[in-house]
Amino acid sequence: MSLRFQDFETLAEFHFALSRVVYQLRLCGEEVTDNDCLFKTYSTFHPEDLLSKHIYIERGSTTYNDLISCLTVIENDKVLKKSSEMKYPEEIDQDESKAAVSNAIDGQAGLSI
């Protein structure tokens, strides 16, 4: 099985999977370095994120934890941006809203108390 960053929906899922593999390798006596983790992450970025890859390298992310911290901030920013761009349904006409409430109170909306 190949572990690729682009195959995970969230950074946390990828980080957990990679950490589990690294832990198992270390239990078997393999030496796994930060550079190994950095390379694995960089080499399996989604093609859309290649520019980001170069930014992280130029920025000097020398440890895997530094990279994960940067990616977490970016992922959170994307989530905030996406949630702020959500479109809300158009406002309901006040008369329509009052009628719906009145019908519910009178038991006409199929509700009974």
C-alpha atoms as a PDB file:
ATOM      1  CA  MET A   1       0.000   0.000   0.000  1.00  0.00           C
ATOM      2  CA  SER A   2       1.269   3.425  -0.916  1.00  0.00           C
ATOM      3  CA  LEU A   3       0.817   6.307   1.514  1.00  0.00           C
ATOM      4  CA  ARG A   4       0.128   9.542  -0.377  1.00  0.00           C
ATOM      5  CA  PHE A   5      -0.732  12.952   1.083  1.00  0.00           C
ATOM      6  CA  GLN A   6      -3.134  13.651  -1.770  1.00  0.00           C
ATOM      7  CA  ASP A   7      -5.253  10.602  -0.898  1.00  0.00           C
ATOM      8  CA  PHE A   8      -6.348  11.980   2.476  1.00  0.00           C
ATOM      9  CA  GLU A   9      -9.125  14.492   3.007  1.00  0.00           C
ATOM     10  CA  THR A  10      -7.483  16.200   5.961  1.00  0.00           C
ATOM     11  CA  LEU A  11      -4.001  16.827   7.181  1.00  0.00           C
ATOM     12  CA  ALA A  12      -4.826  15.151  10.478  1.00  0.00           C
ATOM     13  CA  GLU A  13      -5.703  11.891   8.712  1.00  0.00           C
ATOM     14  CA  PHE A  14      -2.428  11.898   6.751  1.00  0.00           C
ATOM     15  CA  HIS A  15      -0.369  12.835   9.803  1.00  0.00           C
ATOM     16  CA  PHE A  16      -1.958  10.044  11.839  1.00  0.00           C
ATOM     17  CA  ALA A  17      -1.344   7.451   9.112  1.00  0.00           C
ATOM     18  CA  LEU A  18       2.268   8.524   8.553  1.00  0.00           C
ATOM     19  CA  SER A  19       2.949   8.632  12.301  1.00  0.00           C
ATOM     20  CA  ARG A  20       1.590   5.111  12.670  1.00  0.00           C
ATOM     21  CA  VAL A  21       3.830   3.809   9.859  1.00  0.00           C
ATOM     22  CA  VAL A  22       6.884   5.612  11.266  1.00  0.00           C
ATOM     23  CA  TYR A  23       6.189   4.162  14.713  1.00  0.00           C
ATOM     24  CA  GLN A  24       5.903   0.636  13.314  1.00  0.00           C
ATOM     25  CA  LEU A  25       9.111   1.018  11.315  1.00  0.00           C
ATOM     26  CA  ARG A  26      10.965   2.265  14.381  1.00  0.00           C
ATOM     27  CA  LEU A  27       9.673  -0.711  16.392  1.00  0.00           C
ATOM     28  CA  CYS A  28      11.222  -2.936  13.711  1.00  0.00           C
ATOM     29  CA  GLY A  29      14.570  -1.187  14.107  1.00  0.00           C
ATOM     30  CA  GLU A  30      14.377   1.057  11.042  1.00  0.00           C
ATOM     31  CA  GLU A  31      15.746   4.570  11.344  1.00  0.00           C
ATOM     32  CA  VAL A  32      13.203   7.086  10.082  1.00  0.00           C
ATOM     33  CA  THR A  33      14.326  10.721  10.063  1.00  0.00           C
ATOM     34  CA  ASP A  34      12.498  14.015   9.755  1.00  0.00           C
ATOM     35  CA  ASN A  35      13.927  14.287   6.243  1.00  0.00           C
ATOM     36  CA  ASP A  36      12.270  10.982   5.357  1.00  0.00           C
ATOM     37  CA  CYS A  37       8.916  12.295   6.579  1.00  0.00           C
ATOM     38  CA  LEU A  38       9.416  15.624   4.799  1.00  0.00           C
ATOM     39  CA  PHE A  39      10.296  13.860   1.550  1.00  0.00           C
ATOM     40  CA  LYS A  40       7.289  11.547   1.821  1.00  0.00           C
ATOM     41  CA  THR A  41       4.978  14.498   2.378  1.00  0.00           C
ATOM     42  CA  TYR A  42       6.486  16.723  -0.340  1.00  0.00           C
ATOM     43  CA  SER A  43       6.675  13.961  -2.922  1.00  0.00           C
ATOM     44  CA  THR A  44       3.013  13.020  -2.514  1.00  0.00           C
ATOM     45  CA  PHE A  45       1.445  16.497  -2.532  1.00  0.00           C
ATOM     46  CA  HIS A  46      -1.514  16.965  -4.822  1.00  0.00           C
ATOM     47  CA  PRO A  47      -0.459  18.624  -8.109  1.00  0.00           C
ATOM     48  CA  GLU A  48      -2.489  21.717  -7.139  1.00  0.00           C
ATOM     49  CA  ASP A  49      -0.247  22.131  -4.086  1.00  0.00           C
ATOM     50  CA  LEU A  50       3.101  22.067  -5.906  1.00  0.00           C
ATOM     51  CA  LEU A  51       3.528  25.823  -5.526  1.00  0.00           C
ATOM     52  CA  SER A  52       2.986  25.441  -1.797  1.00  0.00           C
ATOM     53  CA  LYS A  53       5.663  22.747  -1.757  1.00  0.00           C
ATOM     54  CA  HIS A  54       8.233  25.181  -3.123  1.00  0.00           C
ATOM     55  CA  ILE A  55       7.159  27.849  -0.626  1.00  0.00           C
ATOM     56  CA  TYR A  56       7.700  25.448   2.295  1.00  0.00           C
ATOM     57  CA  ILE A  57      11.098  24.420   0.992  1.00  0.00           C
ATOM     58  CA  GLU A  58      12.185  28.042   0.458  1.00  0.00           C
ATOM     59  CA  ARG A  59      10.783  28.997   3.840  1.00  0.00           C
ATOM     60  CA  GLY A  60      13.103  26.488   5.392  1.00  0.00           C
ATOM     61  CA  SER A  61      10.734  23.983   6.947  1.00  0.00           C
ATOM     62  CA  THR A  62      13.525  21.758   8.193  1.00  0.00           C
ATOM     63  CA  THR A  63      11.460  19.541  10.445  1.00  0.00           C
ATOM     64  CA  TYR A  64       8.346  17.549   9.803  1.00  0.00           C
ATOM     65  CA  ASN A  65       6.619  19.286  12.736  1.00  0.00           C
ATOM     66  CA  ASP A  66       7.321  22.714  11.180  1.00  0.00           C
ATOM     67  CA  LEU A  67       5.747  21.567   7.939  1.00  0.00           C
ATOM     68  CA  ILE A  68       2.705  20.121   9.713  1.00  0.00           C
ATOM     69  CA  SER A  69       2.261  23.379  11.629  1.00  0.00           C
ATOM     70  CA  CYS A  70       2.323  25.409   8.398  1.00  0.00           C
ATOM     71  CA  LEU A  71      -0.055  23.025   6.648  1.00  0.00           C
ATOM     72  CA  THR A  72      -2.449  23.090   9.603  1.00  0.00           C
ATOM     73  CA  VAL A  73      -2.668  26.885   9.483  1.00  0.00           C
ATOM     74  CA  ILE A  74      -3.299  26.799   5.736  1.00  0.00           C
ATOM     75  CA  GLU A  75      -5.918  24.054   6.059  1.00  0.00           C
ATOM     76  CA  ASN A  76      -7.726  26.000   8.793  1.00  0.00           C
ATOM     77  CA  ASP A  77      -7.640  29.151   6.645  1.00  0.00           C
ATOM     78  CA  LYS A  78      -9.191  27.227   3.744  1.00  0.00           C
ATOM     79  CA  VAL A  79     -11.949  25.903   5.998  1.00  0.00           C
ATOM     80  CA  LEU A  80     -12.694  29.394   7.341  1.00  0.00           C
ATOM     81  CA  LYS A  81     -12.711  30.862   3.854  1.00  0.00           C
ATOM     82  CA  LYS A  82     -15.026  28.122   2.588  1.00  0.00           C
ATOM     83  CA  SER A  83     -17.448  28.596   5.495  1.00  0.00           C
ATOM     84  CA  SER A  84     -17.494  32.379   5.042  1.00  0.00           C
ATOM     85  CA  GLU A  85     -18.351  31.945   1.354  1.00  0.00           C
ATOM     86  CA  MET A  86     -21.373  29.765   2.089  1.00  0.00           C
ATOM     87  CA  LYS A  87     -24.555  31.095   0.589  1.00  0.00           C
ATOM     88  CA  TYR A  88     -27.477  31.368   2.923  1.00  0.00           C
ATOM     89  CA  PRO A  89     -31.034  30.820   1.748  1.00  0.00           C
ATOM     90  CA  GLU A  90     -32.940  33.943   0.886  1.00  0.00           C
ATOM     91  CA  GLU A  91     -34.926  35.404   3.713  1.00  0.00           C
ATOM     92  CA  ILE A  92     -38.457  34.096   4.120  1.00  0.00           C
ATOM     93  CA  ASP A  93     -41.218  36.613   3.720  1.00  0.00           C
ATOM     94  CA  GLN A  94     -42.408  37.718   7.190  1.00  0.00           C
ATOM     95  CA  ASP A  95     -46.074  37.075   6.353  1.00  0.00           C
ATOM     96  CA  GLU A  96     -45.232  33.549   5.193  1.00  0.00           C
ATOM     97  CA  SER A  97     -43.232  32.950   8.358  1.00  0.00           C
ATOM     98  CA  LYS A  98     -46.032  34.232  10.611  1.00  0.00           C
ATOM     99  CA  ALA A  99     -48.569  32.064   8.800  1.00  0.00           C
ATOM    100  CA  ALA A 100     -46.401  28.962   9.252  1.00  0.00           C
ATOM    101  CA  VAL A 101     -46.052  29.642  12.979  1.00  0.00           C
ATOM    102  CA  SER A 102     -49.758  30.344  13.326  1.00  0.00           C
ATOM    103  CA  ASN A 103     -50.660  27.112  11.498  1.00  0.00           C
ATOM    104  CA  ALA A 104     -48.293  25.123  13.717  1.00  0.00           C
ATOM    105  CA  ILE A 105     -49.824  26.622  16.856  1.00  0.00           C
ATOM    106  CA  ASP A 106     -53.385  25.933  15.601  1.00  0.00           C
ATOM    107  CA  GLY A 107     -52.453  22.344  14.772  1.00  0.00           C
ATOM    108  CA  GLN A 108     -52.990  22.856  11.067  1.00  0.00           C
ATOM    109  CA  ALA A 109     -49.448  21.882  10.051  1.00  0.00           C
ATOM    110  CA  GLY A 110     -50.042  18.254  10.808  1.00  0.00           C
ATOM    111  CA  LEU A 111     -48.765  18.629  14.347  1.00  0.00           C
ATOM    112  CA  SER A 112     -50.798  17.744  17.368  1.00  0.00           C
ATOM    113  CA  ILE A 113     -50.048  18.388  20.995  1.00  0.00           C
END
